[in-house]
Amino acid sequence: MANPLAMNAQTNASDSVQMHAKGNRLSVGGYGEVALSRNFYSDNGYRYSKPSTYKNDPSHGRFDIPHAVIYLNYDFGKGWTMGSEIEFEHGGAGSAVEYESDESIEYENETEKGGEVELEQFWIQKSFGRGFNVRVGHIVVPFGMTNAHHEPLNFFTVYRPEGENTILPCTWHQTGVSLWGYVGDFRYEAQMIAGLDAFKFNRTNWIQEGAQSPFEFEIANKYGFLARLDNYTVPGLRLGVSAYYGQAMHNSYPHDMEKGSNKNIKGNVYLGSFDFCYNNHNWIIRGNADYGYVSDAKTISNLVKPNSQYVKPYDTTAFGSHAIATSLEAGYDIFSQIGKLREDNQKLYIFGHYEYYDSKIHSTTKKYTQKQILAGGVNYYPIPQVCVKAEYNHRFLKTPYNDEPAINIGVAYQGFFL
């Protein structure tokens, strides 16, 4: 029987909490990232609508703390456990000044629920054995590679893989019920969660914001269903497939769209993904391919239009019916060939990274949604829990839009303190 940890294959993010907590009633840990960037392209909000105007703009720099996360978990005994994860995004705590490029370039000072400090996980679990566990609460939705393995030591780039991070909720977390376990060389998971809100879909980020509720509760007029299966048969290799289905219309608040012809609009979301990770023989190779479809996209976009009763707090840009995100990255540990450094458990990966994604595949006018990314750089591990990252990242856009190169440097950690 395969053991994912012993084989160095990727394990599910929520599983890693459970494995470290085993044998200890209380476990405390987390992960965090610091990112320093220089972007050699315009930061003007109109750079896609007027690309020639901003072609020669000066570069700009950004320093950020994308994520700082605290795990707190407790084993009550007799198979009952509690898991929680509190995430601070971008070093803030709820108040932000937003740059609204689609609203005559205005600045808005807002207090946002969940935008800067999030309870990403809070669940209570009953374990009946390795093969069957029931988890209820706020849980990670492990669709695709990044959602299931979103900690910073699970990707080479300084920032999370851009494609999945753009078109999908990432990290996707919602309230619901999860059934999961290990059977032989397989890990399975099935979830029923609150449905997405189609009124929050948009052109650039597709369904990403559909999981975010601006209210003090998650709207669950409709439900979403996820299934995921991972295989660990080959030493060091994890193969994963995941699928999601849910209705996204009639899942807004107030619930007054069940009227007239609108009653039959479904906004069904269909998602499918394949992802893998190979970690053996001094190589790490990862990849994913995600594809999705939303029914009635054009009809829903026309419902949410400027000056309608549904504008606030919803997006008003027309979103696409189809979207795609793919990536592939590979790195080799050159310190593995140096005996002293290998014995000291230091690693230095030289890596290459490629992505292609499009949040509106069949668009004939907004081609800036189609992007390709090439990146390369190094990941240095002085100790297993800490990584120093450096990369050159180049985002390629179709004519007439301007390419977007950048240099990123980051430091990340991931581990348990207790």
Protein backbone atom coordinates (compact mmCIF):
# COMPACT_ATOMS: atom_id res chain seq x y z
CA MET A 1 0.00 0.00 0.00
CA ALA A 2 1.40 3.39 -1.01
CA ASN A 3 2.25 6.07 1.53
CA PRO A 4 2.10 9.56 -0.06
CA LEU A 5 4.38 11.15 2.56
CA ALA A 6 7.04 8.46 2.29
CA MET A 7 7.15 8.85 -1.48
CA ASN A 8 7.56 12.65 -1.49
CA ALA A 9 4.43 13.01 -3.60
CA GLN A 10 2.14 16.00 -3.05
CA THR A 11 -0.51 15.58 -0.39
CA ASN A 12 -3.78 17.42 -0.09
CA ALA A 13 -3.53 20.67 1.85
CA SER A 14 -6.07 19.64 4.49
CA ASP A 15 -4.42 16.21 4.84
CA SER A 16 -1.09 17.78 5.79
CA VAL A 17 -2.72 19.35 8.84
CA GLN A 18 -4.10 16.01 9.97
CA MET A 19 -0.83 14.16 9.46
CA HIS A 20 1.19 16.60 11.52
CA ALA A 21 -1.42 16.62 14.26
CA LYS A 22 -1.40 12.84 14.65
CA GLY A 23 -0.18 11.87 18.12
CA ASN A 24 -0.56 15.40 19.46
CA ARG A 25 -3.82 16.91 20.66
CA LEU A 26 -2.83 20.46 19.70
CA SER A 27 -0.97 21.48 16.54
CA VAL A 28 0.02 25.00 15.52
CA GLY A 29 1.60 25.90 12.20
CA GLY A 30 1.15 27.81 9.00
CA TYR A 31 2.82 29.29 5.96
CA GLY A 32 3.69 32.71 4.59
CA GLU A 33 5.21 34.55 1.66
CA VAL A 34 7.03 37.82 1.05
CA ALA A 35 7.17 39.00 -2.59
CA LEU A 36 9.27 41.77 -4.15
CA SER A 37 8.51 42.61 -7.79
CA ARG A 38 9.58 44.96 -10.56
CA ASN A 39 7.09 45.06 -13.44
CA PHE A 40 8.34 46.38 -16.79
CA TYR A 41 5.00 47.49 -18.17
CA SER A 42 2.35 50.12 -17.51
CA ASP A 43 0.24 49.96 -14.36
CA ASN A 44 -2.45 52.19 -15.89
CA GLY A 45 -5.98 50.82 -15.69
CA TYR A 46 -6.56 51.58 -19.38
CA ARG A 47 -3.53 49.72 -20.73
CA TYR A 48 -5.75 47.09 -22.41
CA SER A 49 -8.35 49.47 -23.83
CA LYS A 50 -5.65 51.89 -25.14
CA PRO A 51 -2.50 49.74 -25.50
CA SER A 52 -0.59 52.08 -27.84
CA THR A 53 -0.97 54.99 -25.43
CA TYR A 54 0.77 53.16 -22.59
CA LYS A 55 3.31 51.11 -24.55
CA ASN A 56 6.35 53.07 -23.33
CA ASP A 57 5.29 53.76 -19.75
CA PRO A 58 7.98 53.37 -17.07
CA SER A 59 8.32 50.23 -14.94
CA HIS A 60 6.84 50.02 -11.48
CA GLY A 61 7.64 48.08 -8.31
CA ARG A 62 5.49 46.30 -5.76
CA PHE A 63 6.36 44.79 -2.37
CA ASP A 64 3.73 42.51 -0.90
CA ILE A 65 2.89 39.82 1.62
CA PRO A 66 0.45 37.72 -0.44
CA HIS A 67 -0.40 35.29 2.34
CA ALA A 68 0.37 34.86 6.03
CA VAL A 69 -1.51 31.87 7.44
CA ILE A 70 -1.97 30.37 10.90
CA TYR A 71 -3.08 26.76 11.42
CA LEU A 72 -4.71 25.84 14.73
CA ASN A 73 -5.99 22.28 15.14
CA TYR A 74 -7.08 20.06 18.02
CA ASP A 75 -7.71 16.34 18.49
CA PHE A 76 -10.56 15.77 20.93
CA GLY A 77 -10.12 11.99 20.86
CA LYS A 78 -12.35 9.12 19.71
CA GLY A 79 -11.96 10.25 16.12
CA TRP A 80 -13.21 13.81 16.65
CA THR A 81 -10.93 16.63 15.45
CA MET A 82 -11.17 20.34 14.72
CA GLY A 83 -9.17 22.12 12.03
CA SER A 84 -8.86 25.84 11.35
CA GLU A 85 -6.88 28.14 9.10
CA ILE A 86 -6.82 31.93 9.37
CA GLU A 87 -5.33 33.79 6.42
CA PHE A 88 -4.08 37.39 6.28
CA GLU A 89 -3.89 38.55 2.67
CA HIS A 90 -1.58 41.35 1.56
CA GLY A 91 -0.73 42.33 5.13
CA GLY A 92 -4.06 44.02 5.79
CA ALA A 93 -7.11 43.65 7.96
CA GLY A 94 -10.28 44.53 6.12
CA SER A 95 -9.84 48.12 4.94
CA ALA A 96 -8.47 48.93 1.50
CA VAL A 97 -8.24 51.69 -1.09
CA GLU A 98 -9.28 50.20 -4.42
CA TYR A 99 -8.30 51.49 -7.85
CA GLU A 100 -11.40 51.17 -10.03
CA SER A 101 -10.19 51.35 -13.63
CA ASP A 102 -13.65 50.61 -15.02
CA GLU A 103 -15.27 53.51 -13.15
CA SER A 104 -13.54 56.60 -14.62
CA ILE A 105 -10.31 55.77 -12.72
CA GLU A 106 -11.65 56.55 -9.27
CA TYR A 107 -10.30 55.52 -5.88
CA GLU A 108 -12.65 53.91 -3.42
CA ASN A 109 -12.02 53.52 0.30
CA GLU A 110 -13.87 50.39 1.32
CA THR A 111 -14.22 48.04 4.24
CA GLU A 112 -14.49 44.56 2.77
CA LYS A 113 -15.80 41.41 4.40
CA GLY A 114 -13.35 38.59 3.83
CA GLY A 115 -11.10 40.44 1.42
CA GLU A 116 -8.07 40.87 3.66
CA VAL A 117 -8.58 38.55 6.63
CA GLU A 118 -10.28 35.23 5.91
CA LEU A 119 -11.28 32.17 7.85
CA GLU A 120 -10.17 29.82 5.11
CA GLN A 121 -10.88 26.62 7.02
CA PHE A 122 -12.96 25.80 10.08
CA TRP A 123 -14.35 22.31 10.29
CA ILE A 124 -15.20 19.54 12.72
CA GLN A 125 -14.39 16.02 11.59
CA LYS A 126 -15.29 12.50 12.61
CA SER A 127 -12.84 9.83 11.45
CA PHE A 128 -14.04 6.25 11.19
CA GLY A 129 -10.70 5.01 9.85
CA ARG A 130 -8.24 5.61 7.03
CA GLY A 131 -10.91 4.86 4.47
CA PHE A 132 -13.75 7.10 5.64
CA ASN A 133 -13.94 10.55 7.25
CA VAL A 134 -16.77 13.09 7.51
CA ARG A 135 -15.91 16.78 7.65
CA VAL A 136 -18.47 19.58 8.17
CA GLY A 137 -17.76 23.31 8.14
CA HIS A 138 -15.79 25.78 6.06
CA ILE A 139 -13.54 23.67 3.84
CA VAL A 140 -11.07 23.96 0.98
CA VAL A 141 -12.61 22.97 -2.37
CA PRO A 142 -9.76 20.95 -3.97
CA PHE A 143 -10.58 21.58 -7.63
CA GLY A 144 -7.47 21.73 -9.82
CA MET A 145 -3.84 21.73 -8.76
CA THR A 146 -3.48 25.05 -6.94
CA ASN A 147 -6.58 24.80 -4.75
CA ALA A 148 -5.64 21.31 -3.54
CA HIS A 149 -1.95 22.21 -3.06
CA HIS A 150 -1.82 25.96 -2.50
CA GLU A 151 0.99 26.27 0.06
CA PRO A 152 4.01 28.24 -1.29
CA LEU A 153 6.41 25.27 -1.32
CA ASN A 154 4.12 23.54 -3.83
CA PHE A 155 4.99 25.80 -6.78
CA PHE A 156 8.26 27.26 -8.10
CA THR A 157 7.06 30.74 -9.01
CA VAL A 158 6.96 33.56 -6.47
CA TYR A 159 3.21 33.97 -6.91
CA ARG A 160 0.66 31.18 -7.26
CA PRO A 161 0.21 29.83 -10.81
CA GLU A 162 -1.56 32.66 -12.58
CA GLY A 163 -4.10 30.81 -14.70
CA GLU A 164 -5.93 28.95 -11.92
CA ASN A 165 -5.45 31.94 -9.62
CA THR A 166 -7.21 34.15 -12.19
CA ILE A 167 -10.22 32.22 -13.50
CA LEU A 168 -11.09 30.14 -10.41
CA PRO A 169 -11.71 30.98 -6.76
CA CYS A 170 -8.23 30.53 -5.30
CA THR A 171 -7.87 29.37 -2.65
CA TRP A 172 -11.43 28.14 -3.14
CA HIS A 173 -13.10 27.65 0.25
CA GLN A 174 -16.78 27.35 1.07
CA THR A 175 -19.07 25.95 3.73
CA GLY A 176 -20.41 22.44 3.28
CA VAL A 177 -19.87 18.73 3.89
CA SER A 178 -16.93 16.57 2.77
CA LEU A 179 -16.53 12.79 2.68
CA TRP A 180 -12.95 11.63 2.12
CA GLY A 181 -10.50 8.82 2.72
CA TYR A 182 -7.74 6.56 1.39
CA VAL A 183 -8.45 3.25 -0.32
CA GLY A 184 -5.30 1.43 -1.39
CA ASP A 185 -3.21 3.77 -3.54
CA PHE A 186 -6.10 6.20 -4.00
CA ARG A 187 -7.39 9.21 -2.11
CA TYR A 188 -11.00 10.23 -2.79
CA GLU A 189 -13.08 13.22 -1.77
CA ALA A 190 -16.70 14.20 -2.40
CA GLN A 191 -18.20 17.52 -1.31
CA MET A 192 -21.55 19.28 -1.21
CA ILE A 193 -21.07 23.02 -0.74
CA ALA A 194 -22.92 26.32 -1.17
CA GLY A 195 -23.39 27.21 -4.83
CA LEU A 196 -21.65 30.01 -6.72
CA ASP A 197 -23.32 33.33 -7.55
CA ALA A 198 -23.46 33.94 -11.33
CA PHE A 199 -24.05 37.66 -10.83
CA LYS A 200 -20.44 37.94 -9.59
CA PHE A 201 -18.84 36.33 -12.64
CA ASN A 202 -16.90 38.70 -14.91
CA ARG A 203 -14.87 38.95 -18.10
CA THR A 204 -11.36 38.94 -16.64
CA ASN A 205 -11.73 36.55 -13.70
CA TRP A 206 -14.55 34.34 -15.01
CA ILE A 207 -16.10 32.52 -11.98
CA GLN A 208 -13.44 33.56 -9.45
CA GLU A 209 -15.57 35.98 -7.42
CA GLY A 210 -18.65 33.75 -7.47
CA ALA A 211 -17.60 32.06 -4.23
CA GLN A 212 -17.29 35.34 -2.31
CA SER A 213 -20.27 36.51 -0.31
CA PRO A 214 -20.53 40.22 0.57
CA PHE A 215 -23.02 39.30 3.28
CA GLU A 216 -22.66 37.81 6.75
CA PHE A 217 -23.59 34.38 5.42
CA GLU A 218 -23.07 32.22 2.36
CA ILE A 219 -26.10 32.08 0.09
CA ALA A 220 -27.08 28.44 -0.46
CA ASN A 221 -30.29 28.51 -2.47
CA LYS A 222 -28.42 26.24 -4.90
CA TYR A 223 -25.61 23.77 -4.24
CA GLY A 224 -22.29 22.79 -5.76
CA PHE A 225 -20.89 19.26 -5.94
CA LEU A 226 -17.23 18.33 -6.19
CA ALA A 227 -15.47 15.00 -6.70
CA ARG A 228 -11.71 14.44 -6.61
CA LEU A 229 -9.55 11.33 -6.99
CA ASP A 230 -5.75 11.10 -6.54
CA ASN A 231 -3.52 8.11 -7.24
CA TYR A 232 -0.13 7.43 -5.59
CA THR A 233 0.79 4.04 -7.12
CA VAL A 234 4.07 5.13 -8.76
CA PRO A 235 6.72 6.20 -6.20
CA GLY A 236 6.99 9.99 -6.13
CA LEU A 237 4.08 10.51 -8.53
CA ARG A 238 0.65 11.88 -7.77
CA LEU A 239 -2.04 11.88 -10.48
CA GLY A 240 -5.26 13.76 -9.79
CA VAL A 241 -8.59 14.37 -11.49
CA SER A 242 -11.36 16.64 -10.19
CA ALA A 243 -14.78 17.75 -11.35
CA TYR A 244 -17.36 20.29 -10.19
CA TYR A 245 -21.01 20.91 -11.03
CA GLY A 246 -23.41 23.47 -9.62
CA GLN A 247 -26.18 25.90 -10.54
CA ALA A 248 -25.13 29.54 -10.14
CA MET A 249 -28.34 31.38 -10.97
CA HIS A 250 -31.03 32.08 -8.34
CA ASN A 251 -28.24 32.05 -5.76
CA SER A 252 -28.17 35.80 -5.10
CA TYR A 253 -29.67 37.97 -2.36
CA PRO A 254 -32.41 39.04 -2.17
CA HIS A 255 -33.79 35.91 -3.78
CA ASP A 256 -36.16 37.56 -6.23
CA MET A 257 -35.05 36.27 -9.64
CA GLU A 258 -37.51 33.34 -9.77
CA LYS A 259 -39.88 35.36 -11.92
CA GLY A 260 -41.26 35.10 -15.46
CA SER A 261 -38.81 33.96 -18.14
CA ASN A 262 -35.88 34.34 -15.73
CA LYS A 263 -37.10 31.34 -13.77
CA ASN A 264 -35.64 28.93 -16.34
CA ILE A 265 -32.15 30.46 -16.46
CA LYS A 266 -29.81 27.97 -14.79
CA GLY A 267 -26.25 29.27 -15.12
CA ASN A 268 -24.93 25.73 -14.67
CA VAL A 269 -21.19 25.56 -14.01
CA TYR A 270 -19.30 22.51 -15.32
CA LEU A 271 -15.58 22.17 -14.49
CA GLY A 272 -13.05 19.42 -15.17
CA SER A 273 -9.35 19.20 -14.32
CA PHE A 274 -6.33 16.90 -14.53
CA ASP A 275 -3.18 17.64 -12.54
CA PHE A 276 -0.03 15.80 -11.51
CA CYS A 277 3.18 16.14 -9.52
CA TYR A 278 6.35 14.04 -9.83
CA ASN A 279 8.92 14.44 -7.02
CA ASN A 280 11.72 11.90 -7.31
CA HIS A 281 15.29 11.42 -8.64
CA ASN A 282 16.04 15.09 -7.83
CA TRP A 283 13.33 16.31 -10.22
CA ILE A 284 10.04 18.05 -9.45
CA ILE A 285 7.61 18.28 -12.37
CA ARG A 286 4.08 19.62 -12.03
CA GLY A 287 1.26 20.37 -14.43
CA ASN A 288 -2.46 20.93 -14.80
CA ALA A 289 -5.17 21.33 -17.43
CA ASP A 290 -8.52 22.89 -16.42
CA TYR A 291 -11.53 23.53 -18.62
CA GLY A 292 -14.93 24.96 -17.76
CA TYR A 293 -18.30 25.96 -19.16
CA VAL A 294 -21.15 28.13 -17.83
CA SER A 295 -24.56 27.84 -19.48
CA ASP A 296 -26.65 30.93 -20.27
CA ALA A 297 -23.60 33.20 -19.97
CA LYS A 298 -24.81 35.80 -22.47
CA THR A 299 -28.30 35.94 -20.97
CA ILE A 300 -26.94 36.37 -17.44
CA SER A 301 -24.51 39.08 -18.59
CA ASN A 302 -27.40 41.04 -20.09
CA LEU A 303 -29.35 40.82 -16.82
CA VAL A 304 -26.55 42.41 -14.81
CA LYS A 305 -26.14 45.69 -16.65
CA PRO A 306 -25.40 49.25 -15.54
CA ASN A 307 -28.26 51.09 -13.85
CA SER A 308 -30.20 47.87 -13.23
CA GLN A 309 -31.53 46.89 -9.83
CA TYR A 310 -28.94 44.10 -9.68
CA VAL A 311 -25.76 46.22 -10.06
CA LYS A 312 -24.66 46.40 -6.43
CA PRO A 313 -22.65 44.53 -5.31
CA TYR A 314 -22.33 42.72 -8.67
CA ASP A 315 -19.91 43.04 -11.60
CA THR A 316 -21.30 44.45 -14.85
CA THR A 317 -18.83 43.11 -17.44
CA ALA A 318 -20.00 40.38 -19.81
CA PHE A 319 -18.35 37.09 -18.90
CA GLY A 320 -17.56 34.22 -21.25
CA SER A 321 -19.20 30.82 -21.40
CA HIS A 322 -15.88 28.91 -21.66
CA ALA A 323 -12.51 29.25 -19.93
CA ILE A 324 -9.23 27.33 -19.80
CA ALA A 325 -6.09 27.25 -17.65
CA THR A 326 -3.02 25.06 -18.25
CA SER A 327 0.48 25.02 -16.79
CA LEU A 328 3.66 22.96 -16.74
CA GLU A 329 6.79 23.48 -14.66
CA ALA A 330 9.93 21.44 -14.06
CA GLY A 331 12.91 21.90 -11.78
CA TYR A 332 16.13 19.99 -11.06
CA ASP A 333 18.03 20.08 -7.75
CA ILE A 334 21.65 20.81 -8.74
CA PHE A 335 22.78 20.57 -5.10
CA SER A 336 21.96 16.85 -5.30
CA GLN A 337 25.27 16.47 -7.19
CA ILE A 338 27.31 18.11 -4.42
CA GLY A 339 27.87 15.70 -1.54
CA LYS A 340 28.33 18.18 1.30
CA LEU A 341 25.22 20.17 0.38
CA ARG A 342 23.20 17.02 -0.19
CA GLU A 343 24.14 15.70 3.27
CA ASP A 344 23.16 19.08 4.78
CA ASN A 345 19.71 18.69 3.14
CA GLN A 346 20.08 21.92 1.16
CA LYS A 347 18.46 22.10 -2.27
CA LEU A 348 18.73 24.45 -5.25
CA TYR A 349 16.20 23.91 -8.03
CA ILE A 350 16.72 25.47 -11.44
CA PHE A 351 13.25 25.64 -12.98
CA GLY A 352 11.24 26.56 -16.03
CA HIS A 353 7.54 27.38 -16.03
CA TYR A 354 4.87 27.75 -18.76
CA GLU A 355 1.20 28.75 -18.60
CA TYR A 356 -1.63 29.38 -21.03
CA TYR A 357 -5.03 30.61 -19.92
CA ASP A 358 -8.05 32.46 -21.25
CA SER A 359 -11.05 33.63 -19.20
CA LYS A 360 -13.19 34.25 -22.30
CA ILE A 361 -12.20 31.72 -24.96
CA HIS A 362 -14.59 32.71 -27.75
CA SER A 363 -14.23 36.48 -27.40
CA THR A 364 -13.77 38.31 -30.72
CA THR A 365 -12.93 41.70 -29.22
CA LYS A 366 -11.33 41.31 -25.77
CA LYS A 367 -8.24 39.31 -26.68
CA TYR A 368 -6.33 40.54 -23.65
CA THR A 369 -7.98 37.72 -21.69
CA GLN A 370 -5.76 35.26 -23.60
CA LYS A 371 -2.30 35.07 -22.05
CA GLN A 372 0.81 32.91 -22.20
CA ILE A 373 3.52 33.01 -19.54
CA LEU A 374 7.13 31.88 -19.64
CA ALA A 375 9.15 32.01 -16.43
CA GLY A 376 12.47 30.70 -15.22
CA GLY A 377 14.56 30.98 -12.11
CA VAL A 378 15.77 29.31 -8.92
CA ASN A 379 14.34 27.95 -5.67
CA TYR A 380 16.88 27.66 -2.84
CA TYR A 381 16.05 25.62 0.29
CA PRO A 382 18.57 26.33 3.09
CA ILE A 383 16.33 24.13 5.27
CA PRO A 384 13.29 22.07 4.20
CA GLN A 385 10.75 24.52 5.63
CA VAL A 386 12.12 27.73 4.03
CA CYS A 387 12.52 28.64 0.36
CA VAL A 388 14.13 31.67 -1.32
CA LYS A 389 12.75 32.24 -4.83
CA ALA A 390 13.91 34.37 -7.77
CA GLU A 391 12.47 34.42 -11.29
CA TYR A 392 12.12 36.26 -14.56
CA ASN A 393 8.49 36.16 -15.66
CA HIS A 394 7.22 37.20 -19.11
CA ARG A 395 3.51 37.46 -19.91
CA PHE A 396 2.78 37.32 -23.65
CA LEU A 397 -0.41 38.94 -24.99
CA LYS A 398 -1.85 38.95 -28.50
CA THR A 399 -1.47 41.99 -30.77
CA PRO A 400 -2.19 44.88 -30.25
CA TYR A 401 -1.64 44.43 -26.50
CA ASN A 402 1.79 44.87 -24.95
CA ASP A 403 3.77 42.06 -23.34
CA GLU A 404 4.29 42.24 -19.58
CA PRO A 405 7.72 41.13 -18.27
CA ALA A 406 8.66 41.17 -14.58
CA ILE A 407 11.35 40.18 -12.11
CA ASN A 408 10.09 38.62 -8.86
CA ILE A 409 11.95 37.70 -5.67
CA GLY A 410 10.32 35.94 -2.75
CA VAL A 411 10.88 34.20 0.56
CA ALA A 412 8.41 31.60 1.84
CA TYR A 413 8.02 29.19 4.74
CA GLN A 414 5.70 26.29 5.47
CA GLY A 415 5.63 24.13 8.58
CA PHE A 416 4.43 23.37 12.10
CA PHE A 417 5.68 24.96 15.31
CA LEU A 418 3.89 22.67 17.72
